Protein backbone atom coordinates (compact mmCIF):
# COMPACT_ATOMS: atom_id res chain seq x y z
CA MET A 1 -18.21 -83.15 33.14
CA LYS A 2 -14.72 -83.34 31.69
CA SER A 3 -14.57 -87.09 32.40
CA LEU A 4 -17.79 -87.62 30.48
CA TYR A 5 -16.46 -85.80 27.41
CA THR A 6 -13.22 -87.84 27.67
CA LYS A 7 -15.14 -91.13 27.80
CA LEU A 8 -17.17 -90.19 24.72
CA ILE A 9 -14.08 -89.28 22.71
CA PHE A 10 -12.25 -92.44 23.89
CA ALA A 11 -15.20 -94.60 22.84
CA SER A 12 -15.18 -93.04 19.39
CA ALA A 13 -11.45 -93.61 18.97
CA PHE A 14 -11.69 -97.21 20.22
CA THR A 15 -14.39 -97.99 17.69
CA SER A 16 -12.28 -96.55 14.89
CA VAL A 17 -9.32 -98.77 15.91
CA LEU A 18 -11.51 -101.86 15.83
CA LEU A 19 -12.66 -101.02 12.32
CA VAL A 20 -9.09 -100.57 11.09
CA GLY A 21 -8.02 -103.90 12.66
CA CYS A 22 -10.69 -105.99 10.94
CA GLY A 23 -9.13 -106.70 7.60
CA GLU A 24 -9.66 -104.49 4.59
CA PRO A 25 -12.17 -101.79 5.81
CA ASP A 26 -15.11 -100.70 3.75
CA LYS A 27 -14.55 -96.95 3.64
CA VAL A 28 -18.19 -96.17 2.81
CA ALA A 29 -19.40 -98.16 5.80
CA GLN A 30 -16.71 -96.58 7.95
CA LEU A 31 -17.83 -93.07 6.94
CA ALA A 32 -21.46 -93.91 7.70
CA GLU A 33 -20.48 -95.24 11.13
CA LEU A 34 -18.46 -92.11 11.95
CA LYS A 35 -21.38 -89.85 10.93
CA LYS A 36 -23.69 -91.85 13.18
CA GLN A 37 -21.28 -91.45 16.08
CA HIS A 38 -21.02 -87.70 15.35
CA SER A 39 -24.77 -87.36 15.46
CA GLU A 40 -25.00 -89.19 18.74
CA LEU A 41 -22.22 -87.06 20.25
CA ALA A 42 -23.94 -83.85 19.10
CA LYS A 43 -27.16 -84.97 20.78
CA GLN A 44 -25.35 -85.78 24.02
CA ILE A 45 -23.56 -82.40 23.95
CA SER A 46 -26.90 -80.63 23.41
CA ASP A 47 -28.47 -82.52 26.33
CA LEU A 48 -25.53 -81.59 28.55
CA GLU A 49 -25.84 -77.90 27.61
CA LYS A 50 -29.54 -77.93 28.54
CA GLU A 51 -28.68 -79.58 31.82
CA LEU A 52 -26.06 -76.93 32.53
CA VAL A 53 -28.59 -74.17 31.83
CA SER A 54 -31.21 -75.68 34.11
CA THR A 55 -28.76 -76.06 36.99
CA GLY A 56 -27.17 -72.63 36.50
CA ALA A 57 -23.72 -74.17 36.09
CA VAL A 58 -22.60 -71.73 33.37
CA ALA A 59 -19.44 -69.67 33.58
CA GLU A 60 -20.23 -65.97 34.08
CA GLY A 61 -17.56 -64.89 31.62
CA LYS A 62 -19.24 -66.65 28.67
CA SER A 63 -22.40 -64.48 28.86
CA LYS A 64 -22.56 -61.47 26.52
CA GLU A 65 -23.60 -58.15 28.01
CA VAL A 66 -26.58 -56.56 26.27
CA VAL A 67 -29.27 -53.93 26.82
CA ALA A 68 -32.88 -54.96 26.38
CA LEU A 69 -36.13 -52.98 26.15
CA GLU A 70 -39.56 -54.36 26.95
CA LEU A 71 -41.96 -53.97 24.03
CA LYS A 72 -45.24 -52.13 24.54
CA PRO A 73 -47.88 -51.26 21.91
CA ARG A 74 -47.86 -47.58 20.95
CA ALA A 75 -49.39 -45.17 18.46
CA PHE A 76 -47.48 -44.88 15.21
CA ASP A 77 -47.95 -42.69 12.12
CA HIS A 78 -46.98 -43.26 8.51
CA TYR A 79 -46.20 -39.99 6.76
CA VAL A 80 -44.43 -38.33 3.87
CA LYS A 81 -42.06 -35.39 4.34
CA THR A 82 -41.74 -32.52 1.91
CA GLN A 83 -41.03 -28.79 1.77
CA GLY A 84 -43.52 -26.10 0.83
CA PHE A 85 -44.30 -22.44 1.36
CA ILE A 86 -47.06 -20.22 2.71
CA GLU A 87 -49.36 -18.64 0.19
CA ALA A 88 -52.06 -16.03 0.80
CA GLU A 89 -55.38 -16.47 -0.98
CA ASP A 90 -55.54 -12.67 -1.27
CA ASN A 91 -52.07 -11.48 -2.24
CA ILE A 92 -52.73 -9.00 -5.00
CA LEU A 93 -50.46 -6.71 -6.94
CA VAL A 94 -52.80 -3.87 -7.91
CA SER A 95 -52.11 -2.40 -11.35
CA ALA A 96 -53.14 0.85 -12.98
CA ARG A 97 -56.08 0.75 -15.38
CA GLY A 98 -55.44 4.18 -16.85
CA MET A 99 -52.49 6.08 -18.26
CA GLY A 100 -50.91 9.27 -16.97
CA VAL A 101 -48.77 10.90 -14.31
CA VAL A 102 -49.22 9.92 -10.67
CA THR A 103 -50.38 12.97 -8.73
CA GLN A 104 -51.06 11.41 -5.32
CA VAL A 105 -50.12 8.33 -3.32
CA LEU A 106 -52.79 8.14 -0.63
CA VAL A 107 -51.52 5.21 1.49
CA LYS A 108 -48.39 4.05 3.27
CA GLU A 109 -46.81 0.60 3.62
CA GLY A 110 -48.35 -1.29 6.52
CA GLN A 111 -51.59 0.67 6.35
CA VAL A 112 -54.87 -1.23 6.64
CA VAL A 113 -57.15 -0.58 3.67
CA THR A 114 -60.68 -1.58 2.69
CA LYS A 115 -62.11 -2.84 -0.57
CA GLY A 116 -62.67 0.06 -3.00
CA GLN A 117 -60.39 2.49 -1.13
CA VAL A 118 -58.32 4.76 -3.42
CA LEU A 119 -54.61 3.97 -3.11
CA ALA A 120 -53.16 6.39 -5.67
CA GLN A 121 -54.41 9.03 -8.09
CA ILE A 122 -53.39 9.53 -11.72
CA ASP A 123 -53.70 12.99 -13.31
CA ASN A 124 -57.27 13.23 -14.67
CA SER A 125 -57.69 17.00 -14.91
CA LEU A 126 -58.44 16.90 -18.63
CA ILE A 127 -61.06 14.20 -18.19
CA ALA A 128 -62.57 16.17 -15.31
CA ARG A 129 -62.97 19.27 -17.52
CA ASN A 130 -64.57 17.15 -20.24
CA VAL A 131 -66.96 15.68 -17.70
CA GLU A 132 -68.01 19.14 -16.52
CA GLY A 133 -68.58 20.26 -20.13
CA LEU A 134 -70.70 17.21 -20.91
CA LYS A 135 -72.74 17.70 -17.76
CA SER A 136 -73.67 21.23 -18.93
CA GLN A 137 -74.64 19.94 -22.38
CA LEU A 138 -76.66 17.14 -20.83
CA GLU A 139 -78.46 19.60 -18.61
CA LEU A 140 -79.56 21.59 -21.64
CA ALA A 141 -80.45 18.49 -23.64
CA SER A 142 -82.54 17.15 -20.77
CA SER A 143 -84.43 20.46 -20.51
CA VAL A 144 -85.12 20.49 -24.27
CA PHE A 145 -86.27 16.88 -24.14
CA GLU A 146 -88.70 17.58 -21.28
CA ARG A 147 -90.26 20.47 -23.21
CA GLN A 148 -90.55 18.48 -26.40
CA LYS A 149 -92.08 15.61 -24.47
CA ASN A 150 -94.70 17.89 -22.89
CA LEU A 151 -95.55 19.34 -26.30
CA TRP A 152 -95.74 15.91 -27.86
CA ASP A 153 -98.01 14.71 -25.07
CA GLN A 154 -100.35 17.60 -26.00
CA LYS A 155 -100.12 16.64 -29.69
CA ILE A 156 -98.17 19.82 -30.44
CA GLY A 157 -95.14 19.68 -32.67
CA THR A 158 -93.83 16.76 -34.70
CA GLU A 159 -92.67 13.32 -33.64
CA VAL A 160 -89.32 13.96 -35.29
CA GLN A 161 -88.61 16.89 -32.99
CA TYR A 162 -89.47 14.74 -29.96
CA LEU A 163 -87.27 11.85 -31.13
CA GLN A 164 -84.35 14.16 -31.91
CA ALA A 165 -84.47 15.67 -28.42
CA LYS A 166 -84.67 12.21 -26.86
CA THR A 167 -81.77 10.85 -28.94
CA ASN A 168 -79.58 13.86 -28.17
CA LYS A 169 -80.20 13.49 -24.45
CA GLU A 170 -79.46 9.72 -24.42
CA SER A 171 -76.32 10.17 -26.50
CA LEU A 172 -74.94 12.74 -24.07
CA GLU A 173 -75.77 10.43 -21.13
CA LYS A 174 -73.72 7.63 -22.73
CA GLN A 175 -70.80 9.96 -23.44
CA LEU A 176 -70.86 11.18 -19.84
CA ALA A 177 -70.91 7.58 -18.52
CA ALA A 178 -67.88 6.74 -20.68
CA LEU A 179 -65.98 9.80 -19.46
CA GLN A 180 -66.84 9.02 -15.84
CA GLU A 181 -65.48 5.51 -16.32
CA GLN A 182 -62.25 6.97 -17.68
CA TYR A 183 -62.20 9.34 -14.73
CA ASP A 184 -62.59 6.40 -12.36
CA GLN A 185 -59.79 4.46 -14.10
CA ALA A 186 -57.42 7.24 -13.10
CA ARG A 187 -57.87 6.16 -9.48
CA ILE A 188 -56.01 3.03 -8.33
CA LYS A 189 -58.30 1.24 -5.88
CA SER A 190 -57.84 -1.70 -3.54
CA PRO A 191 -59.84 -4.75 -4.71
CA ILE A 192 -59.80 -6.37 -1.24
CA ASN A 193 -59.63 -5.66 2.47
CA GLY A 194 -56.05 -6.00 3.63
CA VAL A 195 -52.73 -4.39 4.41
CA VAL A 196 -50.51 -2.42 2.04
CA ASP A 197 -47.33 -4.49 1.72
CA MET A 198 -45.51 -2.62 -1.04
CA ILE A 199 -45.84 0.67 -2.93
CA ASN A 200 -44.23 0.62 -6.36
CA VAL A 201 -45.09 4.14 -7.59
CA LYS A 202 -44.12 7.69 -6.68
CA VAL A 203 -45.68 11.07 -7.27
CA GLY A 204 -44.58 12.46 -10.64
CA GLU A 205 -43.96 9.07 -12.25
CA ASN A 206 -45.68 8.19 -15.49
CA ILE A 207 -47.77 5.05 -15.26
CA SER A 208 -49.48 2.92 -17.88
CA PRO A 209 -52.21 0.25 -17.81
CA GLY A 210 -51.00 -3.04 -16.32
CA MET A 211 -48.05 -1.49 -14.52
CA PRO A 212 -47.80 -2.84 -10.90
CA ALA A 213 -48.49 -0.08 -8.42
CA VAL A 214 -49.38 -1.37 -4.92
CA ARG A 215 -49.37 -4.83 -3.30
CA VAL A 216 -52.22 -5.54 -0.88
CA ILE A 217 -52.25 -8.71 1.27
CA ASN A 218 -54.99 -10.21 3.39
CA ASN A 219 -53.54 -12.66 5.93
CA SER A 220 -56.90 -13.97 7.08
CA GLU A 221 -56.84 -16.73 4.46
CA LEU A 222 -53.50 -18.51 4.28
CA LYS A 223 -52.48 -21.95 3.04
CA VAL A 224 -49.39 -24.11 2.68
CA VAL A 225 -48.59 -25.26 -0.84
CA ALA A 226 -46.19 -28.15 -1.48
CA ASN A 227 -45.24 -30.69 -4.13
CA VAL A 228 -45.51 -34.38 -3.22
CA SER A 229 -43.96 -37.34 -5.05
CA GLU A 230 -46.36 -39.14 -7.38
CA SER A 231 -45.66 -42.41 -5.53
CA TYR A 232 -48.04 -41.15 -2.81
CA ILE A 233 -50.87 -40.15 -5.16
CA THR A 234 -53.14 -42.96 -3.92
CA GLN A 235 -52.20 -42.59 -0.24
CA VAL A 236 -52.42 -38.84 0.40
CA LYS A 237 -55.99 -37.58 0.31
CA LYS A 238 -58.15 -34.66 1.33
CA GLY A 239 -58.66 -34.47 5.10
CA ASP A 240 -55.32 -36.08 6.06
CA LYS A 241 -53.53 -34.53 9.02
CA VAL A 242 -50.60 -32.24 8.21
CA LEU A 243 -47.92 -31.17 10.69
CA ILE A 244 -46.42 -27.88 9.52
CA ASN A 245 -43.07 -26.76 10.90
CA LEU A 246 -42.09 -23.14 10.34
CA PRO A 247 -38.32 -23.04 11.06
CA ASP A 248 -38.10 -19.23 10.85
CA LEU A 249 -40.70 -18.90 13.60
CA LYS A 250 -39.61 -22.05 15.49
CA LYS A 251 -43.24 -23.03 15.54
CA GLU A 252 -45.30 -26.07 14.52
CA VAL A 253 -48.99 -26.02 13.70
CA GLU A 254 -51.45 -28.73 12.74
CA ALA A 255 -53.74 -28.51 9.72
CA ASN A 256 -55.56 -30.73 7.24
CA VAL A 257 -55.18 -31.37 3.54
CA THR A 258 -57.74 -29.26 1.67
CA PHE A 259 -56.70 -30.01 -1.90
CA THR A 260 -54.67 -32.60 -3.83
CA GLY A 261 -53.90 -31.99 -7.47
CA ARG A 262 -54.74 -34.57 -10.09
CA ASN A 263 -52.10 -33.46 -12.55
CA ILE A 264 -48.57 -34.93 -12.35
CA ASP A 265 -45.80 -32.53 -13.28
CA PRO A 266 -43.87 -34.25 -16.13
CA LEU A 267 -40.51 -32.85 -14.98
CA SER A 268 -40.59 -33.21 -11.19
CA ARG A 269 -43.05 -36.17 -11.14
CA THR A 270 -44.96 -34.52 -8.30
CA PHE A 271 -48.49 -33.31 -7.63
CA VAL A 272 -49.66 -30.19 -5.77
CA LEU A 273 -50.98 -30.37 -2.21
CA GLU A 274 -52.61 -27.57 -0.20
CA ALA A 275 -53.47 -27.25 3.49
CA GLU A 276 -55.27 -24.30 5.07
CA LEU A 277 -53.46 -22.42 7.84
CA PRO A 278 -55.05 -20.68 10.81
CA SER A 279 -54.90 -16.89 10.62
CA SER A 280 -51.86 -15.39 12.33
CA ALA A 281 -50.04 -12.08 12.13
CA GLU A 282 -46.74 -14.01 12.31
CA PHE A 283 -47.27 -15.91 9.08
CA ARG A 284 -45.93 -14.36 5.89
CA PRO A 285 -46.53 -15.27 2.24
CA ASN A 286 -43.68 -17.31 0.71
CA MET A 287 -42.35 -18.32 4.15
CA THR A 288 -40.69 -21.77 4.08
CA ALA A 289 -42.65 -24.62 5.64
CA LEU A 290 -41.47 -28.17 6.38
CA ILE A 291 -44.48 -30.45 6.33
CA ARG A 292 -45.35 -34.03 7.25
CA ILE A 293 -48.52 -35.46 5.73
CA VAL A 294 -49.83 -38.28 7.92
CA TYR A 295 -51.58 -40.69 5.55
CA ALA A 296 -51.98 -43.64 7.97
CA SER A 297 -52.28 -43.81 11.79
CA PHE A 298 -52.14 -46.90 14.00
CA PRO A 299 -53.24 -46.57 17.64
CA ALA A 300 -51.43 -49.62 19.06
CA VAL A 301 -48.64 -51.44 17.20
CA ILE A 302 -45.21 -52.88 18.02
CA VAL A 303 -42.39 -50.50 17.11
CA VAL A 304 -38.63 -51.13 17.43
CA PRO A 305 -35.50 -49.06 16.69
CA VAL A 306 -34.80 -49.62 13.01
CA ASN A 307 -31.10 -50.35 13.63
CA THR A 308 -32.02 -53.47 15.64
CA VAL A 309 -33.50 -55.07 12.52
CA GLN A 310 -30.75 -57.09 10.82
CA ASP A 311 -30.72 -58.69 7.38
CA ILE A 312 -29.42 -62.23 7.84
CA LYS A 313 -29.50 -64.66 4.93
CA GLY A 314 -32.33 -62.79 3.24
CA GLU A 315 -34.44 -62.58 6.41
CA ARG A 316 -35.14 -59.58 8.59
CA VAL A 317 -34.47 -60.61 12.16
CA VAL A 318 -34.19 -59.13 15.62
CA PHE A 319 -32.90 -60.69 18.84
CA ILE A 320 -34.87 -60.79 22.05
CA ALA A 321 -33.74 -61.67 25.57
CA GLU A 322 -35.60 -64.80 26.67
CA ALA A 323 -35.61 -66.47 30.08
CA ASN A 324 -34.40 -70.08 30.07
CA GLY A 325 -34.37 -71.57 33.55
CA ASN A 326 -32.04 -69.48 35.69
CA GLN A 327 -30.35 -67.99 32.65
CA THR A 328 -31.19 -65.53 29.88
CA ILE A 329 -30.49 -66.46 26.28
CA ALA A 330 -30.71 -64.69 22.92
CA ARG A 331 -33.57 -65.79 20.72
CA LYS A 332 -33.71 -64.91 17.02
CA LYS A 333 -37.06 -63.67 15.73
CA VAL A 334 -37.96 -63.26 12.06
CA VAL A 335 -40.05 -60.11 11.56
CA THR A 336 -41.91 -58.26 8.81
CA VAL A 337 -41.34 -54.50 8.55
CA ASP A 338 -44.51 -52.53 7.71
CA GLY A 339 -42.99 -49.05 7.75
CA VAL A 340 -39.92 -47.06 8.84
CA PHE A 341 -40.28 -43.48 10.10
CA ASP A 342 -38.07 -41.31 12.36
CA GLY A 343 -35.64 -44.16 13.03
CA LEU A 344 -38.41 -46.51 14.17
CA ALA A 345 -39.77 -49.58 12.39
CA GLN A 346 -43.30 -50.94 12.71
CA VAL A 347 -42.94 -54.74 12.75
CA LYS A 348 -44.95 -57.92 12.87
CA GLY A 349 -43.65 -61.09 14.50
CA LEU A 350 -43.08 -59.69 18.00
CA ALA A 351 -45.44 -59.52 20.97
CA ALA A 352 -45.95 -57.06 23.80
CA GLY A 353 -43.89 -57.96 26.84
CA GLU A 354 -40.96 -59.42 24.91
CA ARG A 355 -37.60 -57.77 25.52
CA ILE A 356 -35.82 -56.68 22.36
CA ILE A 357 -32.04 -56.34 22.52
CA THR A 358 -31.18 -52.74 21.61
CA ALA A 359 -27.44 -52.77 22.34
CA GLY A 360 -24.98 -55.64 21.93
CA TYR A 361 -27.10 -57.44 19.32
CA GLN A 362 -24.29 -57.47 16.77
CA GLY A 363 -22.81 -60.92 16.32
CA LEU A 364 -25.36 -62.66 18.53
CA THR A 365 -26.35 -66.24 17.81
CA ASP A 366 -29.58 -68.01 18.63
CA GLY A 367 -29.35 -69.52 22.11
CA GLN A 368 -26.31 -67.51 23.24
CA PHE A 369 -26.19 -66.76 26.98
CA LEU A 370 -26.78 -63.14 27.96
CA LYS A 371 -26.16 -60.78 30.81
CA VAL A 372 -28.88 -58.11 30.56
CA GLN A 373 -28.07 -54.73 32.01
C-alpha cells in the first residue's frame, strides 16, 4: 500500500516539473490541473479505504471504543410537573351564631361527629326563661282563642272578640319561634359529618357571632389543587392522568384531572387544576403534593438518552454503530426531537434495531471505525 501512495505522489510531482519546464507557465491552467489531480487522488484514497474495510486490514489501534444500545420502541409520556397541596372538600371552621359566655364544650379533638351534633354551648339561661314565660302566655292565649272560636261558630259574641283572640295567639306563636331560634343559636353545631380537628374555645370565654370555634374535617372527599403554567392551557384537559407524589408519606397515587380553571392569574400566569384523591386516613389537608400531569401518551416510539443528541452546525444529530463489512463504523443521523422528559428524548429519524452510541460519541466523525463494547 505504501508503494502505491508513493507512486501517486511521485506522478503528481513529475507532472508539476513538466509544467514548470515548458516555458512561461499559465498559472490559472496550472491551478486547474493541480485541482484535478487532487480530486483524482482523493477518489483513489477513498477507494483504497473501502478496500481496506472490506478486507479487514485496519489497524486495531485506530478504532474508537464506544458503548452502543439497540433501539426498541417503548411507551413514552409527555407531562408537566408542578407542586400543589391536598384540600378537603369539607374542611369547615365552625363559628358561633350567637353571643355570650361558653358554658360547655361537648367534644374533644379527634372525636367523630355527625351533622347537627352540638359541639359547644353558649349561656342561654335568660333566653330559656323567656321561652318558658312565652309558652305559658301562649297556652292561655290558645285556650282563649279556642273558646272564642266555639262561641263564634255558634254565632255568639262579636267577630272582633274572635279576631282579637286569634291575633293574640298568632303573635305569641311568632315571638316564641323567634326566641327558640335565638335559643338554638346559642348552640354551636356541626354542619357536616366528620372529625373534630381543632377546638378554639374554652369554657368561660366570651364568644361573639362569626368567631371561629371548632374545625371539623371530612376526609372522605379530598382533592389535589395546583397551579399550572398558562403555556399548557390547551394541552391539559379534564380526564388527563395525574401521578401524585406525597413526599411526606413516601407514597405515589394515580388520579385524574377533574377541573381546569379558565381564568389566568395575572401575576403568576397560571391556571388552577384539581384532581380528586381516593379517601385515605393518611392524607391531610394542606399536605404538599408533587404532581405530574400526563397530557400525551405514546405506546411505541423511539426514545434515546437526551445527552446523546448533539447540536452540530444547526442540526440535531446522534451517532449509531453501523456494520460495514467486517468492521463497525460511526454513522451520523439527523433527528427531530418531539419531546424531552426525565432525561429521555423522543426522536424521529431512527429505526428500531439500530444501535445508538451512548458513550464515546463525543468527537466522533461520520465513517470513523469503532470498537463496540
